[in-house]
N, C-alpha and C. Protein backbone atom coordinates (compact mmCIF):
# COMPACT_ATOMS: atom_id res chain seq x y z
N MET A 1 58.72 165.50 146.89
CA MET A 1 58.32 164.47 145.95
C MET A 1 58.04 163.15 146.67
N PHE A 2 58.96 162.71 147.53
CA PHE A 2 58.76 161.47 148.28
C PHE A 2 58.38 161.80 149.72
N ASP A 3 57.36 161.15 150.20
CA ASP A 3 56.90 161.37 151.57
C ASP A 3 57.65 160.42 152.50
N ARG A 4 58.82 160.86 152.93
CA ARG A 4 59.66 160.02 153.79
C ARG A 4 58.95 159.68 155.10
N ASP A 5 58.19 160.63 155.64
CA ASP A 5 57.49 160.37 156.90
C ASP A 5 56.51 159.21 156.75
N ALA A 6 55.78 159.18 155.64
CA ALA A 6 54.84 158.08 155.39
C ALA A 6 55.58 156.77 155.18
N MET A 7 56.70 156.82 154.44
CA MET A 7 57.49 155.62 154.20
C MET A 7 58.02 155.06 155.53
N ILE A 8 58.50 155.95 156.38
CA ILE A 8 59.05 155.54 157.67
C ILE A 8 57.94 155.02 158.59
N ALA A 9 56.79 155.67 158.56
CA ALA A 9 55.66 155.20 159.38
C ALA A 9 55.27 153.78 158.99
N HIS A 10 55.24 153.50 157.69
CA HIS A 10 54.92 152.14 157.22
C HIS A 10 55.99 151.16 157.66
N TYR A 11 57.25 151.54 157.50
CA TYR A 11 58.39 150.71 157.90
C TYR A 11 58.31 150.40 159.40
N ASN A 12 58.04 151.43 160.19
CA ASN A 12 57.94 151.24 161.64
C ASN A 12 56.75 150.37 162.03
N GLN A 13 55.63 150.56 161.36
CA GLN A 13 54.44 149.75 161.65
C GLN A 13 54.70 148.28 161.37
N GLN A 14 55.31 148.01 160.23
CA GLN A 14 55.59 146.62 159.87
C GLN A 14 56.60 146.01 160.84
N ARG A 15 57.60 146.80 161.23
CA ARG A 15 58.58 146.35 162.22
C ARG A 15 57.89 146.06 163.54
N ASP A 16 57.01 146.95 163.97
CA ASP A 16 56.32 146.77 165.26
C ASP A 16 55.49 145.49 165.26
N GLU A 17 54.82 145.21 164.15
CA GLU A 17 54.02 143.98 164.06
C GLU A 17 54.92 142.75 164.09
N PHE A 18 56.06 142.82 163.42
CA PHE A 18 57.02 141.71 163.43
C PHE A 18 57.54 141.48 164.85
N VAL A 19 57.90 142.55 165.53
CA VAL A 19 58.41 142.44 166.90
C VAL A 19 57.34 141.83 167.81
N GLU A 20 56.10 142.23 167.63
CA GLU A 20 55.01 141.67 168.44
C GLU A 20 54.92 140.16 168.24
N VAL A 21 55.05 139.72 166.99
CA VAL A 21 55.03 138.28 166.71
C VAL A 21 56.20 137.61 167.41
N LEU A 22 57.38 138.18 167.29
CA LEU A 22 58.56 137.57 167.92
C LEU A 22 58.41 137.48 169.43
N ARG A 23 57.89 138.51 170.02
CA ARG A 23 57.75 138.52 171.48
C ARG A 23 56.69 137.55 171.97
N SER A 24 55.85 137.09 171.06
CA SER A 24 54.82 136.12 171.43
C SER A 24 55.29 134.67 171.30
N LEU A 25 56.49 134.48 170.74
CA LEU A 25 56.99 133.12 170.51
C LEU A 25 57.31 132.42 171.82
N ARG A 26 57.04 131.13 171.81
CA ARG A 26 57.41 130.28 172.94
C ARG A 26 58.64 129.47 172.51
N PRO A 27 59.41 128.98 173.46
CA PRO A 27 60.61 128.21 173.09
C PRO A 27 60.30 127.06 172.12
N GLU A 28 59.18 126.40 172.29
CA GLU A 28 58.85 125.27 171.42
C GLU A 28 58.49 125.69 169.99
N ASP A 29 58.26 126.99 169.77
CA ASP A 29 57.95 127.49 168.43
C ASP A 29 59.19 127.60 167.54
N LEU A 30 60.35 127.76 168.16
CA LEU A 30 61.55 128.14 167.42
C LEU A 30 62.03 127.09 166.42
N ASP A 31 61.80 125.83 166.69
CA ASP A 31 62.27 124.77 165.80
C ASP A 31 61.22 124.33 164.78
N LYS A 32 60.08 124.99 164.75
CA LYS A 32 59.03 124.61 163.80
C LYS A 32 59.44 125.03 162.39
N PRO A 33 59.16 124.18 161.41
CA PRO A 33 59.50 124.52 160.03
C PRO A 33 58.59 125.63 159.48
N THR A 34 59.13 126.40 158.56
CA THR A 34 58.36 127.45 157.90
C THR A 34 58.20 127.10 156.42
N VAL A 35 57.45 127.91 155.70
CA VAL A 35 57.30 127.71 154.26
C VAL A 35 58.59 128.04 153.51
N CYS A 36 59.53 128.68 154.18
CA CYS A 36 60.85 128.94 153.59
C CYS A 36 61.65 127.65 153.72
N GLU A 37 61.80 126.96 152.63
CA GLU A 37 62.38 125.61 152.62
C GLU A 37 63.69 125.53 153.41
N GLY A 38 63.69 124.61 154.38
CA GLY A 38 64.88 124.35 155.17
C GLY A 38 65.06 125.28 156.36
N TRP A 39 64.18 126.25 156.51
CA TRP A 39 64.30 127.21 157.60
C TRP A 39 63.24 127.00 158.67
N THR A 40 63.69 127.07 159.91
CA THR A 40 62.79 127.04 161.05
C THR A 40 62.36 128.48 161.37
N VAL A 41 61.49 128.61 162.34
CA VAL A 41 61.09 129.94 162.81
C VAL A 41 62.32 130.72 163.25
N LYS A 42 63.20 130.08 164.02
CA LYS A 42 64.42 130.76 164.49
C LYS A 42 65.29 131.20 163.31
N ASP A 43 65.39 130.37 162.28
CA ASP A 43 66.16 130.74 161.08
C ASP A 43 65.54 131.95 160.39
N LEU A 44 64.23 131.98 160.34
CA LEU A 44 63.54 133.09 159.70
C LEU A 44 63.80 134.40 160.46
N VAL A 45 63.86 134.33 161.77
CA VAL A 45 64.20 135.50 162.57
C VAL A 45 65.64 135.94 162.25
N ALA A 46 66.55 134.99 162.16
CA ALA A 46 67.94 135.31 161.79
C ALA A 46 68.00 135.92 160.40
N HIS A 47 67.19 135.41 159.49
CA HIS A 47 67.13 135.97 158.13
C HIS A 47 66.70 137.43 158.17
N MET A 48 65.75 137.75 159.02
CA MET A 48 65.29 139.13 159.09
C MET A 48 66.36 140.06 159.66
N ALA A 49 67.18 139.56 160.59
CA ALA A 49 68.31 140.37 161.07
C ALA A 49 69.29 140.59 159.92
N THR A 50 69.54 139.54 159.16
CA THR A 50 70.40 139.67 157.97
C THR A 50 69.83 140.69 157.01
N SER A 51 68.55 140.56 156.75
CA SER A 51 67.88 141.44 155.80
C SER A 51 67.98 142.90 156.24
N ALA A 52 67.73 143.15 157.52
CA ALA A 52 67.82 144.53 158.02
C ALA A 52 69.24 145.08 157.83
N SER A 53 70.24 144.20 157.96
CA SER A 53 71.63 144.65 157.84
C SER A 53 72.05 144.93 156.40
N THR A 54 71.21 144.56 155.43
CA THR A 54 71.59 144.76 154.03
C THR A 54 70.75 145.82 153.31
N VAL A 55 69.81 146.44 153.99
CA VAL A 55 68.95 147.44 153.33
C VAL A 55 69.78 148.54 152.68
N GLN A 56 70.72 149.10 153.43
CA GLN A 56 71.51 150.21 152.89
C GLN A 56 72.39 149.75 151.72
N LEU A 57 72.99 148.59 151.85
CA LEU A 57 73.81 148.03 150.78
C LEU A 57 72.98 147.91 149.49
N LEU A 58 71.80 147.35 149.62
CA LEU A 58 70.96 147.14 148.44
C LEU A 58 70.47 148.46 147.85
N MET A 59 70.14 149.41 148.72
CA MET A 59 69.71 150.71 148.20
C MET A 59 70.87 151.42 147.52
N ASN A 60 72.06 151.32 148.07
CA ASN A 60 73.23 151.95 147.44
C ASN A 60 73.53 151.31 146.09
N ARG A 61 73.41 149.99 146.00
CA ARG A 61 73.60 149.32 144.70
C ARG A 61 72.57 149.82 143.70
N HIS A 62 71.36 149.98 144.18
CA HIS A 62 70.26 150.44 143.34
C HIS A 62 70.58 151.84 142.80
N ILE A 63 70.97 152.73 143.72
CA ILE A 63 71.28 154.11 143.34
C ILE A 63 72.44 154.16 142.35
N ALA A 64 73.43 153.31 142.54
CA ALA A 64 74.59 153.28 141.65
C ALA A 64 74.29 152.58 140.32
N ARG A 65 73.07 152.07 140.21
CA ARG A 65 72.63 151.34 139.01
C ARG A 65 73.51 150.13 138.71
N GLU A 66 74.02 149.52 139.79
CA GLU A 66 74.78 148.29 139.61
C GLU A 66 73.82 147.19 139.17
N PRO A 67 74.28 146.30 138.31
CA PRO A 67 73.41 145.21 137.89
C PRO A 67 73.04 144.32 139.07
N ASN A 68 71.82 143.84 139.06
CA ASN A 68 71.38 142.93 140.11
C ASN A 68 72.19 141.65 139.99
N PRO A 69 72.79 141.17 141.09
CA PRO A 69 73.64 139.97 141.00
C PRO A 69 72.87 138.68 140.80
N GLY A 70 71.56 138.70 140.91
CA GLY A 70 70.75 137.53 140.59
C GLY A 70 70.28 136.73 141.79
N LEU A 71 69.42 135.79 141.50
CA LEU A 71 68.78 134.97 142.53
C LEU A 71 69.77 134.10 143.28
N ALA A 72 70.74 133.52 142.59
CA ALA A 72 71.71 132.67 143.27
C ALA A 72 72.50 133.46 144.31
N ALA A 73 72.88 134.69 143.97
CA ALA A 73 73.61 135.54 144.92
C ALA A 73 72.72 135.92 146.10
N LEU A 74 71.46 136.21 145.84
CA LEU A 74 70.52 136.52 146.91
C LEU A 74 70.36 135.33 147.85
N ASN A 75 70.15 134.17 147.29
CA ASN A 75 69.99 132.97 148.12
C ASN A 75 71.25 132.67 148.93
N GLU A 76 72.41 132.88 148.33
CA GLU A 76 73.68 132.64 149.04
C GLU A 76 73.86 133.63 150.19
N ARG A 77 73.57 134.91 149.92
CA ARG A 77 73.68 135.93 150.98
C ARG A 77 72.73 135.60 152.14
N ASN A 78 71.52 135.19 151.80
CA ASN A 78 70.55 134.82 152.85
C ASN A 78 71.04 133.61 153.64
N ALA A 79 71.53 132.59 152.96
CA ALA A 79 72.00 131.37 153.64
C ALA A 79 73.19 131.69 154.54
N GLN A 80 74.11 132.50 154.05
CA GLN A 80 75.28 132.88 154.86
C GLN A 80 74.86 133.68 156.08
N GLY A 81 73.90 134.58 155.91
CA GLY A 81 73.44 135.39 157.03
C GLY A 81 72.78 134.55 158.11
N VAL A 82 71.96 133.59 157.71
CA VAL A 82 71.31 132.71 158.68
C VAL A 82 72.36 131.84 159.37
N ALA A 83 73.28 131.28 158.60
CA ALA A 83 74.32 130.43 159.19
C ALA A 83 75.17 131.22 160.19
N ALA A 84 75.48 132.46 159.87
CA ALA A 84 76.31 133.29 160.75
C ALA A 84 75.60 133.62 162.06
N ARG A 85 74.28 133.51 162.06
CA ARG A 85 73.49 133.86 163.24
C ARG A 85 72.91 132.63 163.95
N LYS A 86 73.34 131.45 163.57
CA LYS A 86 72.80 130.20 164.17
C LYS A 86 72.90 130.19 165.69
N ALA A 87 74.01 130.71 166.23
CA ALA A 87 74.22 130.67 167.67
C ALA A 87 73.50 131.80 168.41
N GLN A 88 72.97 132.75 167.67
CA GLN A 88 72.26 133.86 168.31
C GLN A 88 70.91 133.40 168.85
N SER A 89 70.52 133.96 169.95
CA SER A 89 69.16 133.77 170.45
C SER A 89 68.22 134.65 169.63
N VAL A 90 66.94 134.40 169.72
CA VAL A 90 65.96 135.25 169.05
C VAL A 90 66.11 136.68 169.58
N GLU A 91 66.35 136.82 170.87
CA GLU A 91 66.50 138.15 171.46
C GLU A 91 67.71 138.88 170.86
N GLU A 92 68.80 138.16 170.64
CA GLU A 92 69.99 138.78 170.03
C GLU A 92 69.73 139.16 168.58
N SER A 93 69.04 138.30 167.84
CA SER A 93 68.70 138.64 166.46
C SER A 93 67.76 139.84 166.42
N LEU A 94 66.82 139.88 167.35
CA LEU A 94 65.90 141.01 167.41
C LEU A 94 66.65 142.30 167.73
N ALA A 95 67.57 142.27 168.67
CA ALA A 95 68.35 143.46 169.00
C ALA A 95 69.14 143.95 167.78
N GLU A 96 69.72 143.01 167.03
CA GLU A 96 70.45 143.37 165.82
C GLU A 96 69.51 144.01 164.81
N LEU A 97 68.36 143.38 164.59
CA LEU A 97 67.38 143.90 163.65
C LEU A 97 66.96 145.32 164.03
N LEU A 98 66.68 145.54 165.31
CA LEU A 98 66.23 146.87 165.75
C LEU A 98 67.33 147.92 165.57
N SER A 99 68.55 147.54 165.82
CA SER A 99 69.67 148.45 165.62
C SER A 99 69.76 148.87 164.15
N TRP A 100 69.69 147.90 163.27
CA TRP A 100 69.74 148.21 161.84
C TRP A 100 68.52 148.97 161.37
N HIS A 101 67.38 148.66 161.93
CA HIS A 101 66.15 149.35 161.55
C HIS A 101 66.32 150.87 161.72
N ASP A 102 66.81 151.29 162.88
CA ASP A 102 67.00 152.71 163.13
C ASP A 102 68.04 153.32 162.20
N LYS A 103 69.11 152.58 161.90
CA LYS A 103 70.12 153.06 160.96
C LYS A 103 69.52 153.21 159.56
N ASN A 104 68.64 152.29 159.19
CA ASN A 104 68.02 152.34 157.87
C ASN A 104 67.09 153.54 157.73
N VAL A 105 66.38 153.87 158.80
CA VAL A 105 65.53 155.06 158.79
C VAL A 105 66.39 156.31 158.60
N ALA A 106 67.47 156.40 159.35
CA ALA A 106 68.37 157.55 159.21
C ALA A 106 68.94 157.62 157.79
N PHE A 107 69.28 156.47 157.23
CA PHE A 107 69.80 156.43 155.86
C PHE A 107 68.77 156.95 154.87
N LEU A 108 67.52 156.49 155.00
CA LEU A 108 66.47 156.97 154.11
C LEU A 108 66.35 158.49 154.19
N ARG A 109 66.37 159.02 155.40
CA ARG A 109 66.25 160.47 155.58
C ARG A 109 67.41 161.22 154.91
N SER A 110 68.57 160.57 154.77
CA SER A 110 69.74 161.23 154.20
C SER A 110 69.72 161.28 152.67
N LEU A 111 68.84 160.51 152.06
CA LEU A 111 68.83 160.43 150.59
C LEU A 111 68.02 161.56 149.97
N SER A 112 68.51 162.05 148.86
CA SER A 112 67.79 163.09 148.11
C SER A 112 66.65 162.46 147.32
N ASP A 113 65.73 163.31 146.87
CA ASP A 113 64.66 162.82 146.01
C ASP A 113 65.23 162.20 144.73
N GLU A 114 66.32 162.75 144.24
CA GLU A 114 66.95 162.19 143.04
C GLU A 114 67.42 160.76 143.29
N HIS A 115 68.02 160.54 144.46
CA HIS A 115 68.45 159.18 144.81
C HIS A 115 67.26 158.24 144.93
N LEU A 116 66.19 158.71 145.54
CA LEU A 116 65.01 157.86 145.73
C LEU A 116 64.29 157.56 144.42
N ALA A 117 64.50 158.39 143.43
CA ALA A 117 63.84 158.20 142.13
C ALA A 117 64.62 157.30 141.18
N VAL A 118 65.88 157.00 141.48
CA VAL A 118 66.69 156.17 140.59
C VAL A 118 66.03 154.81 140.43
N GLU A 119 65.90 154.39 139.19
CA GLU A 119 65.29 153.09 138.91
C GLU A 119 66.37 152.06 138.58
N ASN A 120 66.11 150.85 139.05
CA ASN A 120 67.00 149.73 138.78
C ASN A 120 66.18 148.46 138.94
N SER A 121 66.76 147.34 138.56
CA SER A 121 66.00 146.09 138.55
C SER A 121 66.20 145.28 139.82
N LEU A 122 65.18 144.52 140.14
CA LEU A 122 65.21 143.54 141.22
C LEU A 122 65.59 142.19 140.65
N VAL A 123 65.76 141.22 141.54
CA VAL A 123 66.12 139.87 141.11
C VAL A 123 65.05 139.28 140.19
N ASN A 124 63.80 139.69 140.35
CA ASN A 124 62.72 139.15 139.51
C ASN A 124 62.58 139.89 138.18
N GLY A 125 63.43 140.90 137.95
CA GLY A 125 63.39 141.65 136.69
C GLY A 125 62.56 142.91 136.74
N SER A 126 61.76 143.08 137.78
CA SER A 126 60.98 144.31 137.92
C SER A 126 61.92 145.50 138.07
N VAL A 127 61.54 146.61 137.45
CA VAL A 127 62.30 147.84 137.58
C VAL A 127 61.52 148.77 138.48
N ILE A 128 62.17 149.18 139.58
CA ILE A 128 61.50 150.03 140.58
C ILE A 128 62.44 151.15 141.00
N PRO A 129 61.87 152.24 141.58
CA PRO A 129 62.72 153.28 142.13
C PRO A 129 63.30 152.85 143.49
N THR A 130 64.36 153.49 143.88
CA THR A 130 64.99 153.20 145.17
C THR A 130 64.00 153.32 146.31
N ALA A 131 63.11 154.30 146.24
CA ALA A 131 62.11 154.48 147.30
C ALA A 131 61.27 153.21 147.48
N GLN A 132 60.93 152.54 146.39
CA GLN A 132 60.14 151.31 146.48
C GLN A 132 60.96 150.19 147.12
N ARG A 133 62.25 150.20 146.89
CA ARG A 133 63.12 149.18 147.53
C ARG A 133 63.01 149.32 149.05
N PHE A 134 62.97 150.55 149.56
CA PHE A 134 62.81 150.75 151.00
C PHE A 134 61.44 150.25 151.45
N THR A 135 60.40 150.57 150.70
CA THR A 135 59.05 150.10 151.03
C THR A 135 58.99 148.58 151.00
N ASN A 136 59.69 147.98 150.05
CA ASN A 136 59.74 146.51 150.00
C ASN A 136 60.36 145.93 151.27
N SER A 137 61.33 146.65 151.85
CA SER A 137 61.93 146.19 153.11
C SER A 137 60.90 146.18 154.22
N ALA A 138 60.03 147.16 154.23
CA ALA A 138 58.95 147.19 155.22
C ALA A 138 58.00 146.01 154.99
N ASN A 139 57.65 145.80 153.75
CA ASN A 139 56.73 144.70 153.42
C ASN A 139 57.32 143.34 153.76
N HIS A 140 58.63 143.25 153.73
CA HIS A 140 59.33 142.01 154.06
C HIS A 140 59.03 141.60 155.50
N TYR A 141 59.00 142.58 156.41
CA TYR A 141 58.61 142.30 157.80
C TYR A 141 57.24 141.63 157.84
N GLY A 142 56.29 142.22 157.13
CA GLY A 142 54.92 141.70 157.14
C GLY A 142 54.82 140.31 156.55
N GLU A 143 55.53 140.08 155.46
CA GLU A 143 55.52 138.77 154.81
C GLU A 143 56.01 137.69 155.77
N HIS A 144 57.12 137.95 156.42
CA HIS A 144 57.68 136.94 157.31
C HIS A 144 56.94 136.84 158.64
N SER A 145 56.30 137.90 159.06
CA SER A 145 55.42 137.81 160.24
C SER A 145 54.33 136.77 159.99
N GLN A 146 53.72 136.86 158.82
CA GLN A 146 52.65 135.93 158.48
C GLN A 146 53.17 134.49 158.37
N GLN A 147 54.36 134.33 157.81
CA GLN A 147 54.93 132.99 157.68
C GLN A 147 55.25 132.38 159.05
N ILE A 148 55.72 133.20 159.97
CA ILE A 148 55.98 132.70 161.33
C ILE A 148 54.67 132.32 162.00
N LEU A 149 53.67 133.19 161.89
CA LEU A 149 52.37 132.88 162.50
C LEU A 149 51.79 131.59 161.92
N GLN A 150 51.94 131.41 160.63
CA GLN A 150 51.47 130.19 159.98
C GLN A 150 52.21 128.98 160.53
N ALA A 151 53.51 129.10 160.68
CA ALA A 151 54.34 127.98 161.16
C ALA A 151 53.96 127.55 162.58
N ILE A 152 53.57 128.51 163.39
CA ILE A 152 53.23 128.19 164.78
C ILE A 152 51.73 127.97 164.98
N GLY A 153 50.99 127.95 163.87
CA GLY A 153 49.57 127.62 163.93
C GLY A 153 48.66 128.76 164.32
N ARG A 154 49.13 129.98 164.13
CA ARG A 154 48.28 131.14 164.45
C ARG A 154 48.00 132.02 163.24
N GLY A 155 48.29 131.51 162.07
CA GLY A 155 48.07 132.32 160.87
C GLY A 155 47.32 131.53 159.83
N SER A 156 46.90 132.24 158.81
CA SER A 156 46.17 131.58 157.73
C SER A 156 47.15 130.86 156.82
N LYS A 157 46.67 129.92 156.07
CA LYS A 157 47.49 129.17 155.10
C LYS A 157 47.55 129.89 153.76
N ALA A 158 46.81 130.96 153.64
CA ALA A 158 46.73 131.69 152.35
C ALA A 158 47.97 132.44 152.02
């Protein structure tokens, strides 16, 4: 029912593009502000390490049909994750992200089609299956890649 190989290929492609952006950063890029209010490029990288570390948690909540804790909880988790990684270098955040990325792929492979089909709501109220939550994690890489490129003057403003 669910094409895990295609989902993983998309996840890996988005990760690879994000990593390419990170590896192209210069030291002077790290303190540039992003469209994510209050966050620099370095903060956005830390956010992505945080995000990678929560994929399984969020998918498990989804499968268990736990109520979405809301936008304030999401914002707090993100802020705490960035703050906890302030002292990390971009390379350390990247290593953490890559470690979680591989664990998340293994986790996806372990889920049954029934688990991937469970529907639950996102913070915005949309109701999606667990499989889409994983795909959204892949898309998150792409979204923030573009925001970093924009912040350092190599991306579109669109």
